[in-house]
Amino acid sequence: MTASRPVGPASPQEAAPAPAATATAGAPGHGAPPASVGPPAPAEHPGPSTPPGPGTPSWRSLRGWAIAAAQTLLCLGLGGLIFLIVLGDLLFEFDDAPPQGLLAMSAVDALVGIVVTTAIGPLRLLRPGRLHAAVHLLITAVAGLSVWSVPAAGIALYRIGLRRRLVLDIAAAVLLGAVAASWLALDGHLRGEEDLRVLAAALGVMLIGALVPLLIGRVVGTRHELIRTLRERADAAERERASAERERVAAERERVAAEQARSSADQARRSAEQAGQSAQREADALRRGRDAESARVRAEERAALARDMHDSVSHHLASIAMHAGAMAYREDLDPATLRKTARTVRDAAQHANRELREVLVALRTADDHAADDAAPLATVPTLQETVDRARAGGQEVTLALDGLDVAELEHLGRGTVVALARILGEALTNAAKHAPGSAVTALLARRGEQVTLTIENPLTGEAHPLSTGHGLIGVEERARLLGGGARWTRTEHGTFEMEAWLPW
């Protein structure tokens, strides 16, 4: 069952219909219920899933339990009084010897009345809904067979009336009339008085008396609905007024903010003009500083070029002097060896000449713009150019990358790339001298935080040209200066392997 709004019984008014119900069932001379009935505290709910209304007492409310206990005690007292009056009338009528059937009906009356009146108080704490409506309809129906439960039935009818549901009102009247008619018929049969007019009159008085708490409940429920509607309208009006006030305050703030923004814009414009002048001065200073920094960097690059070319040219000149001295003092050299040594001297002289020309071009003054375009220090492409030169000289050289690519090599430090290029050139020169015509394999790999260069070539077993081993010592010294190292060995497979590693 559903209702138009959740309303429920209130403790001060729920006991008011009880006298009317008492007068209807057993004491017609009693007065009517009070004319003014206040609003109930708890709210009846339309369904089991509907939350309790604002007036519904909580199960944990001490005040709610106190009111429930008062209702139960009041109903027990009034119901017991009515029951004693009816029982005394029965005993007087039969001279203290009523039929057993009537005594059994009185016992049922007392038992049912005690149970119902005990439960009527705590039921005010029940969540309104279908169970709430069903229980109160049952209490209303029980009033037809128990005069003790008449006060509790009055409270139940009042609570049903608060729901303002015509279906519930009709169901309560029908149930009460049906049960009462059956019980009165049984009572008349046991008494031997089966007068239909008396039965109809009793039913009429009972139904009219039941209408009183139902109508009172309807009036109170309607009043609650009206008060709720008026409060909602008042709350809506208050919210609208507060919203209008907030809008007015917001408009005032916006006006003040607009004035502040206009003032800030004027200040920002003046600040921008000053900042523009300061920026121009800073730009001039930065330009002068950048020119000075460029000059310093160029000087450092020239110094680095000079140091690197000094090592490289010195190596080539030492090689030329060594091989030329060998040809001058060694008379046991065969023509083929002399030709190889002469070619080595020629190649070293060409390399030294080319590198000397590059360093001289790079060390020209800053006024010569061509100096900025020349970069004799080795870069990543220089590695491949070294391999290409060796191939052009007749060597079979293979360069492979493992665990890295050219893009990662670009992030290496300039000193590391220069060292790799010089070590590769020295290894290829050694391979050309000691294993002419043999295939050379070069592997550039990344091992954790190190980059390694491994060069391997087979040993031919022929007589080797004169060599002091200074080139390999120079390779080790160059690698050690950068935090790395180098090693070389003749493997059991008949190959010569040189490995150098540098920090990444």
Protein backbone atom coordinates (compact mmCIF):
# COMPACT_ATOMS: atom_id res chain seq x y z
CA MET A 1 0.00 0.00 0.00
CA THR A 2 1.18 3.51 -0.67
CA ALA A 3 0.17 6.87 0.74
CA SER A 4 0.34 10.44 -0.54
CA ARG A 5 2.91 11.33 2.13
CA PRO A 6 4.59 9.54 5.05
CA VAL A 7 2.76 10.49 8.23
CA GLY A 8 2.55 8.57 11.48
CA PRO A 9 1.03 8.62 14.96
CA ALA A 10 2.20 10.93 17.68
CA SER A 11 2.13 9.98 21.28
CA PRO A 12 0.09 12.89 22.74
CA GLN A 13 -2.80 12.42 20.34
CA GLU A 14 -2.87 8.64 19.79
CA ALA A 15 -4.62 8.01 23.09
CA ALA A 16 -7.32 10.62 22.41
CA PRO A 17 -9.57 8.39 20.23
CA ALA A 18 -9.55 5.64 22.86
CA PRO A 19 -12.43 7.07 24.97
CA ALA A 20 -14.60 7.34 21.88
CA ALA A 21 -13.94 3.71 20.99
CA THR A 22 -14.68 2.67 24.56
CA ALA A 23 -17.95 4.50 24.53
CA THR A 24 -18.86 2.86 21.25
CA ALA A 25 -18.14 -0.70 22.30
CA GLY A 26 -19.05 -0.97 25.94
CA ALA A 27 -20.03 2.39 27.53
CA PRO A 28 -22.27 4.46 25.27
CA GLY A 29 -22.61 7.14 27.84
CA HIS A 30 -18.96 8.12 27.80
CA GLY A 31 -17.98 11.45 26.34
CA ALA A 32 -16.57 12.08 22.88
CA PRO A 33 -12.84 12.54 22.28
CA PRO A 34 -11.32 15.98 22.71
CA ALA A 35 -12.11 18.46 19.98
CA SER A 36 -8.55 19.69 19.47
CA VAL A 37 -6.05 17.05 18.45
CA GLY A 38 -2.40 18.06 17.94
CA PRO A 39 -0.07 16.80 15.21
CA PRO A 40 1.36 13.30 15.66
CA ALA A 41 5.08 12.83 16.21
CA PRO A 42 5.95 9.81 14.02
CA ALA A 43 5.18 9.49 10.32
CA GLU A 44 3.40 6.58 8.61
CA HIS A 45 5.24 5.36 5.52
CA PRO A 46 3.56 4.41 2.25
CA GLY A 47 5.62 1.29 1.63
CA PRO A 48 8.33 -0.93 3.08
CA SER A 49 11.04 0.73 1.05
CA THR A 50 10.03 4.30 1.99
CA PRO A 51 12.31 5.95 4.55
CA PRO A 52 10.73 7.20 7.75
CA GLY A 53 9.30 10.69 7.79
CA PRO A 54 10.66 13.55 9.86
CA GLY A 55 8.30 12.75 12.77
CA THR A 56 8.99 9.02 12.99
CA PRO A 57 10.57 8.17 16.37
CA SER A 58 13.79 6.19 16.40
CA TRP A 59 14.11 2.75 18.00
CA ARG A 60 17.03 4.20 19.99
CA SER A 61 15.02 7.18 21.26
CA LEU A 62 14.33 7.05 25.00
CA ARG A 63 11.50 9.53 24.60
CA GLY A 64 9.89 7.31 21.94
CA TRP A 65 10.03 4.28 24.20
CA ALA A 66 8.66 6.28 27.11
CA ILE A 67 5.65 7.38 25.01
CA ALA A 68 5.17 3.79 23.77
CA ALA A 69 5.19 2.49 27.35
CA ALA A 70 2.66 5.15 28.39
CA GLN A 71 0.33 4.16 25.53
CA THR A 72 0.59 0.51 26.45
CA LEU A 73 -0.11 1.15 30.13
CA LEU A 74 -3.03 3.46 29.31
CA CYS A 75 -4.59 0.91 26.97
CA LEU A 76 -4.06 -1.89 29.46
CA GLY A 77 -5.75 0.15 32.18
CA LEU A 78 -8.71 1.33 30.10
CA GLY A 79 -9.14 -2.05 28.39
CA GLY A 80 -8.99 -3.86 31.71
CA LEU A 81 -11.57 -1.51 33.16
CA ILE A 82 -13.93 -2.08 30.23
CA PHE A 83 -13.37 -5.85 30.45
CA LEU A 84 -14.18 -5.90 34.18
CA ILE A 85 -17.37 -3.90 33.60
CA VAL A 86 -18.52 -6.31 30.87
CA LEU A 87 -17.54 -9.37 32.95
CA GLY A 88 -19.38 -8.01 35.99
CA ASP A 89 -22.48 -7.41 33.90
CA LEU A 90 -22.25 -11.01 32.63
CA LEU A 91 -21.97 -12.42 36.14
CA PHE A 92 -24.83 -10.25 37.40
CA GLU A 93 -27.02 -11.34 34.49
CA PHE A 94 -26.56 -15.08 35.21
CA ASP A 95 -26.29 -14.83 39.00
CA ASP A 96 -22.60 -15.67 39.03
CA ALA A 97 -23.20 -18.84 37.02
CA PRO A 98 -22.85 -17.94 33.34
CA PRO A 99 -22.63 -20.64 30.66
CA GLN A 100 -19.24 -22.17 30.05
CA GLY A 101 -19.22 -20.89 26.46
CA LEU A 102 -19.58 -17.28 27.61
CA LEU A 103 -16.79 -17.76 30.16
CA ALA A 104 -14.55 -19.17 27.41
CA MET A 105 -15.35 -16.14 25.24
CA SER A 106 -14.43 -13.86 28.17
CA ALA A 107 -11.14 -15.72 28.62
CA VAL A 108 -10.36 -15.29 24.91
CA ASP A 109 -11.31 -11.59 25.24
CA ALA A 110 -8.85 -11.09 28.10
CA LEU A 111 -6.01 -13.03 26.47
CA VAL A 112 -6.32 -11.26 23.11
CA GLY A 113 -6.78 -7.88 24.78
CA ILE A 114 -3.63 -8.20 26.89
CA VAL A 115 -1.54 -9.18 23.84
CA VAL A 116 -2.89 -6.37 21.63
CA THR A 117 -2.68 -3.61 24.24
CA THR A 118 0.87 -4.66 25.11
CA ALA A 119 1.94 -4.42 21.46
CA ILE A 120 0.14 -1.18 20.52
CA GLY A 121 2.73 1.06 22.18
CA PRO A 122 5.95 -0.35 20.61
CA LEU A 123 4.19 -0.50 17.22
CA ARG A 124 4.51 3.30 17.01
CA LEU A 125 8.24 2.70 16.44
CA LEU A 126 7.62 0.34 13.51
CA ARG A 127 8.70 1.61 10.10
CA PRO A 128 5.55 2.67 8.22
CA GLY A 129 4.71 0.46 5.28
CA ARG A 130 2.75 -2.63 4.35
CA LEU A 131 3.62 -4.50 7.54
CA HIS A 132 2.67 -1.45 9.60
CA ALA A 133 -0.72 -1.21 7.86
CA ALA A 134 -1.38 -4.97 8.11
CA VAL A 135 -0.64 -5.09 11.85
CA HIS A 136 -2.92 -2.14 12.62
CA LEU A 137 -5.71 -3.61 10.48
CA LEU A 138 -5.37 -6.84 12.48
CA ILE A 139 -5.63 -4.92 15.77
CA THR A 140 -8.74 -3.15 14.44
CA ALA A 141 -10.30 -6.50 13.52
CA VAL A 142 -9.46 -7.97 16.94
CA ALA A 143 -11.53 -5.23 18.59
CA GLY A 144 -14.62 -7.02 17.25
CA LEU A 145 -14.06 -9.95 19.60
CA SER A 146 -12.26 -8.34 22.57
CA VAL A 147 -13.55 -5.38 24.53
CA TRP A 148 -10.18 -5.22 26.28
CA SER A 149 -8.53 -4.26 22.97
CA VAL A 150 -10.97 -1.42 22.20
CA PRO A 151 -8.55 1.39 23.34
CA ALA A 152 -5.73 -0.17 21.31
CA ALA A 153 -8.08 -0.44 18.32
CA GLY A 154 -8.89 3.26 18.67
CA ILE A 155 -5.17 4.12 18.42
CA ALA A 156 -4.78 1.72 15.47
CA LEU A 157 -7.74 3.36 13.63
CA TYR A 158 -6.22 6.78 14.30
CA ARG A 159 -2.92 5.68 12.80
CA ILE A 160 -4.70 4.22 9.77
CA GLY A 161 -6.60 7.51 9.34
CA LEU A 162 -3.29 9.41 9.28
CA ARG A 163 -2.48 7.55 6.07
CA ARG A 164 -5.45 9.23 4.32
CA ARG A 165 -6.04 6.16 2.17
CA LEU A 166 -9.67 5.36 1.44
CA VAL A 167 -8.83 1.71 0.75
CA LEU A 168 -7.31 1.31 4.22
CA ASP A 169 -10.32 3.01 5.86
CA ILE A 170 -12.81 0.74 4.09
CA ALA A 171 -10.71 -2.36 4.86
CA ALA A 172 -10.61 -1.43 8.56
CA ALA A 173 -14.40 -0.91 8.72
CA VAL A 174 -15.14 -4.15 6.85
CA LEU A 175 -12.80 -6.24 8.98
CA LEU A 176 -14.13 -4.74 12.19
CA GLY A 177 -17.74 -5.26 11.12
CA ALA A 178 -17.22 -8.85 9.95
CA VAL A 179 -15.39 -9.98 13.09
CA ALA A 180 -17.77 -8.15 15.40
CA ALA A 181 -20.84 -9.58 13.65
CA SER A 182 -19.52 -13.13 13.96
CA TRP A 183 -18.57 -12.67 17.61
CA LEU A 184 -21.91 -11.04 18.54
CA ALA A 185 -23.81 -13.78 16.73
CA LEU A 186 -21.93 -16.41 18.72
CA ASP A 187 -22.55 -14.47 21.93
CA GLY A 188 -26.30 -14.21 21.19
CA HIS A 189 -26.50 -17.90 20.37
CA LEU A 190 -24.93 -18.82 23.69
CA ARG A 191 -27.26 -16.45 25.51
CA GLY A 192 -30.31 -17.76 23.62
CA GLU A 193 -31.10 -14.25 22.33
CA GLU A 194 -30.81 -14.17 18.52
CA ASP A 195 -32.44 -10.83 17.76
CA LEU A 196 -31.18 -9.44 14.44
CA ARG A 197 -32.23 -5.91 15.32
CA VAL A 198 -30.08 -5.89 18.43
CA LEU A 199 -27.18 -7.29 16.38
CA ALA A 200 -27.60 -4.66 13.66
CA ALA A 201 -27.84 -1.85 16.22
CA ALA A 202 -24.67 -3.02 17.98
CA LEU A 203 -22.79 -3.22 14.67
CA GLY A 204 -23.99 0.25 13.67
CA VAL A 205 -22.87 1.81 16.93
CA MET A 206 -19.49 0.06 16.67
CA LEU A 207 -18.87 1.21 13.06
CA ILE A 208 -19.92 4.77 13.85
CA GLY A 209 -17.59 4.78 16.84
CA ALA A 210 -14.76 3.46 14.61
CA LEU A 211 -15.29 6.35 12.19
CA VAL A 212 -14.39 8.88 14.87
CA PRO A 213 -10.65 7.99 15.23
CA LEU A 214 -10.46 7.41 11.47
CA LEU A 215 -11.74 10.92 10.73
CA ILE A 216 -9.57 12.47 13.43
CA GLY A 217 -6.55 10.74 11.88
CA ARG A 218 -7.52 12.02 8.43
CA VAL A 219 -7.87 15.60 9.70
CA VAL A 220 -4.51 15.46 11.46
CA GLY A 221 -2.85 13.91 8.41
CA THR A 222 -4.28 16.62 6.15
CA ARG A 223 -3.07 19.27 8.58
CA HIS A 224 0.40 17.75 8.57
CA GLU A 225 0.43 17.71 4.78
CA LEU A 226 -0.64 21.35 4.65
CA ILE A 227 2.01 22.37 7.18
CA ARG A 228 4.65 20.43 5.25
CA THR A 229 3.65 22.13 1.99
CA LEU A 230 3.73 25.56 3.60
CA ARG A 231 7.13 24.85 5.10
CA GLU A 232 8.45 23.70 1.74
CA ARG A 233 7.18 26.88 0.12
CA ALA A 234 8.71 28.97 2.88
CA ASP A 235 12.01 27.13 2.50
CA ALA A 236 11.90 27.63 -1.28
CA ALA A 237 11.21 31.34 -0.80
CA GLU A 238 14.06 31.60 1.68
CA ARG A 239 16.38 29.81 -0.74
CA GLU A 240 15.35 32.16 -3.54
CA ARG A 241 15.93 35.17 -1.31
CA ALA A 242 19.34 33.84 -0.27
CA SER A 243 20.17 33.11 -3.91
CA ALA A 244 19.19 36.63 -4.92
CA GLU A 245 21.32 38.03 -2.11
CA ARG A 246 24.26 35.92 -3.22
CA GLU A 247 23.81 37.09 -6.80
CA ARG A 248 23.74 40.71 -5.65
CA VAL A 249 26.91 40.19 -3.61
CA ALA A 250 28.54 38.40 -6.55
CA ALA A 251 27.62 41.26 -8.90
CA GLU A 252 29.11 43.76 -6.47
CA ARG A 253 32.27 41.68 -6.25
CA GLU A 254 32.46 41.47 -10.03
CA ARG A 255 32.16 45.25 -10.28
CA VAL A 256 34.95 45.72 -7.75
CA ALA A 257 37.02 43.06 -9.52
CA ALA A 258 36.49 44.81 -12.87
CA GLU A 259 37.74 48.08 -11.40
CA GLN A 260 40.75 46.31 -9.91
CA ALA A 261 41.40 44.55 -13.22
CA ARG A 262 41.30 47.85 -15.08
CA SER A 263 43.76 49.35 -12.60
CA SER A 264 45.94 46.24 -12.85
CA ALA A 265 45.85 46.46 -16.66
CA ASP A 266 47.18 50.03 -16.51
CA GLN A 267 49.93 48.96 -14.14
CA ALA A 268 50.72 45.94 -16.34
CA ARG A 269 50.98 48.16 -19.41
CA ARG A 270 53.45 50.44 -17.65
CA SER A 271 55.33 47.44 -16.32
CA ALA A 272 55.42 45.94 -19.83
CA GLU A 273 56.97 49.09 -21.21
CA GLN A 274 59.61 49.03 -18.49
CA ALA A 275 60.14 45.29 -19.01
CA GLY A 276 60.59 45.87 -22.74
CA GLN A 277 63.34 48.35 -22.10
CA SER A 278 64.95 46.02 -19.56
CA ALA A 279 64.65 43.10 -21.97
CA GLN A 280 66.39 45.07 -24.68
CA ARG A 281 69.24 45.84 -22.33
CA GLU A 282 69.43 42.21 -21.21
CA ALA A 283 69.37 41.02 -24.82
CA ASP A 284 72.32 43.25 -25.64
CA ALA A 285 74.18 41.94 -22.60
CA LEU A 286 73.32 38.34 -23.52
CA ARG A 287 74.51 38.87 -27.06
CA ARG A 288 77.81 40.19 -25.81
CA GLY A 289 78.09 37.31 -23.36
CA ARG A 290 77.23 34.80 -26.09
CA ASP A 291 79.93 36.21 -28.35
CA ALA A 292 82.44 35.94 -25.51
CA GLU A 293 81.34 32.37 -24.73
CA SER A 294 81.60 31.42 -28.41
CA ALA A 295 85.13 32.79 -28.51
CA ARG A 296 86.03 30.82 -25.38
CA VAL A 297 84.53 27.60 -26.75
CA ARG A 298 86.37 28.05 -30.06
CA ALA A 299 89.61 28.53 -28.14
CA GLU A 300 88.97 25.35 -26.12
CA GLU A 301 88.15 23.41 -29.31
CA ARG A 302 91.34 24.62 -30.95
CA ALA A 303 93.32 23.55 -27.90
CA ALA A 304 91.68 20.12 -27.95
CA LEU A 305 92.37 19.81 -31.67
CA ALA A 306 95.99 20.72 -31.14
CA ARG A 307 96.40 18.13 -28.39
CA ASP A 308 94.73 15.37 -30.40
CA MET A 309 96.60 16.13 -33.61
CA HIS A 310 99.85 16.30 -31.68
CA ASP A 311 99.35 12.68 -30.57
CA SER A 312 98.25 11.50 -33.99
CA VAL A 313 100.95 13.29 -36.03
CA SER A 314 103.60 12.26 -33.53
CA HIS A 315 102.54 8.64 -33.97
CA HIS A 316 102.81 8.85 -37.75
CA LEU A 317 106.19 10.64 -37.62
CA ALA A 318 107.52 8.03 -35.20
CA SER A 319 106.36 5.28 -37.54
CA ILE A 320 108.04 7.00 -40.51
CA ALA A 321 111.31 7.44 -38.61
CA MET A 322 111.29 3.83 -37.39
CA HIS A 323 110.65 2.23 -40.79
CA ALA A 324 112.98 4.64 -42.60
CA GLY A 325 115.74 3.80 -40.10
CA ALA A 326 115.14 0.09 -40.65
CA MET A 327 115.52 0.47 -44.41
CA ALA A 328 118.71 2.48 -43.90
CA TYR A 329 120.50 0.00 -41.59
CA ARG A 330 119.02 -3.38 -42.51
CA GLU A 331 120.86 -4.86 -45.48
CA ASP A 332 119.29 -8.34 -45.24
CA LEU A 333 115.79 -7.22 -46.24
CA ASP A 334 114.40 -8.77 -49.40
CA PRO A 335 112.83 -6.54 -52.10
CA ALA A 336 109.23 -7.45 -51.11
CA THR A 337 109.81 -6.44 -47.52
CA LEU A 338 111.45 -3.22 -48.64
CA ARG A 339 108.47 -2.40 -50.80
CA LYS A 340 106.03 -3.08 -47.93
CA THR A 341 108.10 -0.90 -45.61
CA ALA A 342 108.22 1.87 -48.19
CA ARG A 343 104.46 1.73 -48.60
CA THR A 344 104.05 1.93 -44.84
CA VAL A 345 106.31 5.02 -44.74
CA ARG A 346 104.35 6.57 -47.60
CA ASP A 347 100.96 5.90 -45.98
CA ALA A 348 102.13 7.28 -42.65
CA ALA A 349 103.47 10.40 -44.35
CA GLN A 350 100.16 10.90 -46.20
CA HIS A 351 98.13 10.47 -43.00
CA ALA A 352 100.39 12.86 -41.12
CA ASN A 353 100.19 15.43 -43.92
CA ARG A 354 96.40 15.20 -44.10
CA GLU A 355 95.92 15.48 -40.35
CA LEU A 356 98.42 18.34 -40.14
CA ARG A 357 96.51 20.19 -42.85
CA GLU A 358 93.23 19.66 -40.97
CA VAL A 359 94.60 20.98 -37.70
CA LEU A 360 96.08 24.03 -39.42
CA VAL A 361 92.75 24.79 -41.05
CA ALA A 362 90.94 24.45 -37.69
CA LEU A 363 93.40 26.68 -35.88
CA ARG A 364 92.90 29.65 -38.16
CA THR A 365 91.61 32.90 -36.69
CA ALA A 366 87.93 33.46 -35.96
CA ASP A 367 87.70 36.05 -38.75
CA ASP A 368 88.00 33.26 -41.29
CA HIS A 369 84.50 31.73 -41.42
CA ALA A 370 85.80 28.61 -43.09
CA ALA A 371 87.42 27.69 -39.78
CA ASP A 372 83.99 27.25 -38.19
CA ASP A 373 83.02 24.72 -40.86
CA ALA A 374 86.12 22.53 -40.40
CA ALA A 375 85.97 20.01 -37.54
CA PRO A 376 89.00 17.69 -37.64
CA LEU A 377 88.12 16.04 -34.29
CA ALA A 378 86.71 12.58 -34.89
CA THR A 379 82.93 12.13 -34.86
CA VAL A 380 80.66 9.09 -35.24
CA PRO A 381 80.93 9.12 -39.09
CA THR A 382 84.72 9.12 -38.71
CA LEU A 383 84.55 5.47 -37.58
CA GLN A 384 82.99 4.43 -40.87
CA GLU A 385 85.38 6.67 -42.81
CA THR A 386 88.34 4.90 -41.16
CA VAL A 387 86.91 1.56 -42.26
CA ASP A 388 86.32 2.88 -45.78
CA ARG A 389 89.93 4.11 -46.06
CA ALA A 390 91.22 0.70 -44.98
CA ARG A 391 89.04 -0.99 -47.58
CA ALA A 392 90.31 1.40 -50.23
CA GLY A 393 93.87 0.38 -49.25
CA GLY A 394 93.07 -3.27 -49.99
CA GLN A 395 92.04 -4.50 -46.53
CA GLU A 396 88.92 -6.57 -45.97
CA VAL A 397 87.33 -4.88 -42.94
CA THR A 398 83.91 -5.49 -41.33
CA LEU A 399 82.47 -3.13 -38.67
CA ALA A 400 79.44 -4.34 -36.68
CA LEU A 401 77.36 -2.82 -33.84
CA ASP A 402 75.99 -4.84 -30.93
CA GLY A 403 73.54 -3.49 -28.34
CA LEU A 404 73.61 0.08 -29.66
CA ASP A 405 72.96 2.09 -32.80
CA VAL A 406 74.30 5.20 -34.46
CA ALA A 407 71.75 7.40 -32.66
CA GLU A 408 73.05 6.22 -29.27
CA LEU A 409 76.64 6.80 -30.38
CA GLU A 410 75.73 10.44 -31.03
CA HIS A 411 75.14 10.85 -27.27
CA LEU A 412 78.65 9.68 -26.37
CA GLY A 413 81.19 12.23 -25.16
CA ARG A 414 83.41 13.78 -27.81
CA GLY A 415 86.54 12.46 -26.12
CA THR A 416 85.17 8.89 -26.16
CA VAL A 417 84.35 9.05 -29.88
CA VAL A 418 87.81 10.47 -30.66
CA ALA A 419 89.48 7.69 -28.65
CA LEU A 420 87.42 4.99 -30.42
CA ALA A 421 88.35 6.40 -33.83
CA ARG A 422 92.07 6.54 -32.98
CA ILE A 423 92.06 3.02 -31.50
CA LEU A 424 90.27 1.65 -34.56
CA GLY A 425 92.79 3.37 -36.87
CA GLU A 426 95.75 1.97 -34.91
CA ALA A 427 94.26 -1.55 -34.94
CA LEU A 428 93.70 -1.46 -38.70
CA THR A 429 97.26 -0.15 -39.24
CA ASN A 430 98.65 -3.02 -37.15
CA ALA A 431 96.54 -5.55 -39.06
CA ALA A 432 97.83 -4.18 -42.36
CA LYS A 433 101.43 -4.55 -41.18
CA HIS A 434 101.21 -7.92 -39.44
CA ALA A 435 98.49 -9.70 -41.43
CA PRO A 436 98.34 -8.13 -44.89
CA GLY A 437 95.47 -9.34 -47.02
CA SER A 438 93.63 -10.97 -44.10
CA ALA A 439 90.03 -10.17 -43.13
CA VAL A 440 89.65 -7.88 -40.13
CA THR A 441 86.53 -7.96 -37.94
CA ALA A 442 85.67 -4.97 -35.73
CA LEU A 443 82.80 -5.14 -33.19
CA LEU A 444 81.54 -2.05 -31.34
CA ALA A 445 79.26 -3.12 -28.46
CA ARG A 446 77.70 -1.80 -25.28
CA ARG A 447 78.27 -3.88 -22.14
CA GLY A 448 76.34 -2.31 -19.27
CA GLU A 449 77.90 1.07 -18.57
CA GLN A 450 80.84 0.49 -20.93
CA VAL A 451 81.40 0.62 -24.67
CA THR A 452 83.89 -1.94 -26.02
CA LEU A 453 85.74 -2.10 -29.33
CA THR A 454 87.05 -5.56 -30.32
CA ILE A 455 89.26 -6.05 -33.40
CA GLU A 456 90.26 -9.54 -34.53
CA ASN A 457 92.40 -10.68 -37.49
CA PRO A 458 94.14 -13.98 -38.32
CA LEU A 459 97.90 -14.43 -38.00
CA THR A 460 99.51 -15.27 -41.35
CA GLY A 461 102.72 -16.78 -39.98
CA GLU A 462 104.86 -14.69 -42.34
CA ALA A 463 107.82 -12.61 -41.25
CA HIS A 464 106.49 -9.46 -39.66
CA PRO A 465 107.89 -5.99 -40.37
CA LEU A 466 109.87 -4.31 -37.68
CA SER A 467 107.67 -2.98 -34.90
CA THR A 468 108.33 -1.55 -31.45
CA GLY A 469 104.83 -2.12 -30.04
CA HIS A 470 104.48 1.57 -29.19
CA GLY A 471 101.13 1.72 -31.02
CA LEU A 472 99.50 -0.80 -28.70
CA ILE A 473 100.99 0.93 -25.69
CA GLY A 474 99.53 4.22 -26.96
CA VAL A 475 96.11 2.54 -27.32
CA GLU A 476 96.23 1.38 -23.70
CA GLU A 477 97.36 4.79 -22.45
CA ARG A 478 94.59 6.57 -24.39
CA ALA A 479 91.92 4.22 -23.00
CA ARG A 480 93.28 4.48 -19.43
CA LEU A 481 93.19 8.28 -19.54
CA LEU A 482 89.42 8.11 -20.13
CA GLY A 483 88.79 5.63 -17.31
CA GLY A 484 88.91 2.46 -19.42
CA GLY A 485 91.57 -0.01 -20.50
CA ALA A 486 92.84 -2.26 -23.28
CA ARG A 487 94.25 -5.74 -23.79
CA TRP A 488 95.56 -7.80 -26.71
CA THR A 489 96.42 -11.45 -27.15
CA ARG A 490 97.13 -14.22 -29.64
CA THR A 491 94.29 -16.73 -29.35
CA GLU A 492 94.58 -20.49 -29.65
CA HIS A 493 92.69 -20.31 -32.95
CA GLY A 494 95.59 -18.52 -34.59
CA THR A 495 94.13 -15.00 -34.45
CA PHE A 496 95.24 -11.74 -32.93
CA GLU A 497 92.58 -10.00 -30.82
CA MET A 498 92.68 -6.51 -29.35
CA GLU A 499 89.93 -5.19 -27.08
CA ALA A 500 89.54 -1.67 -25.64
CA TRP A 501 86.77 -0.52 -23.28
CA LEU A 502 85.71 2.98 -22.31
CA PRO A 503 83.01 4.28 -19.93
CA TRP A 504 79.66 5.04 -21.60
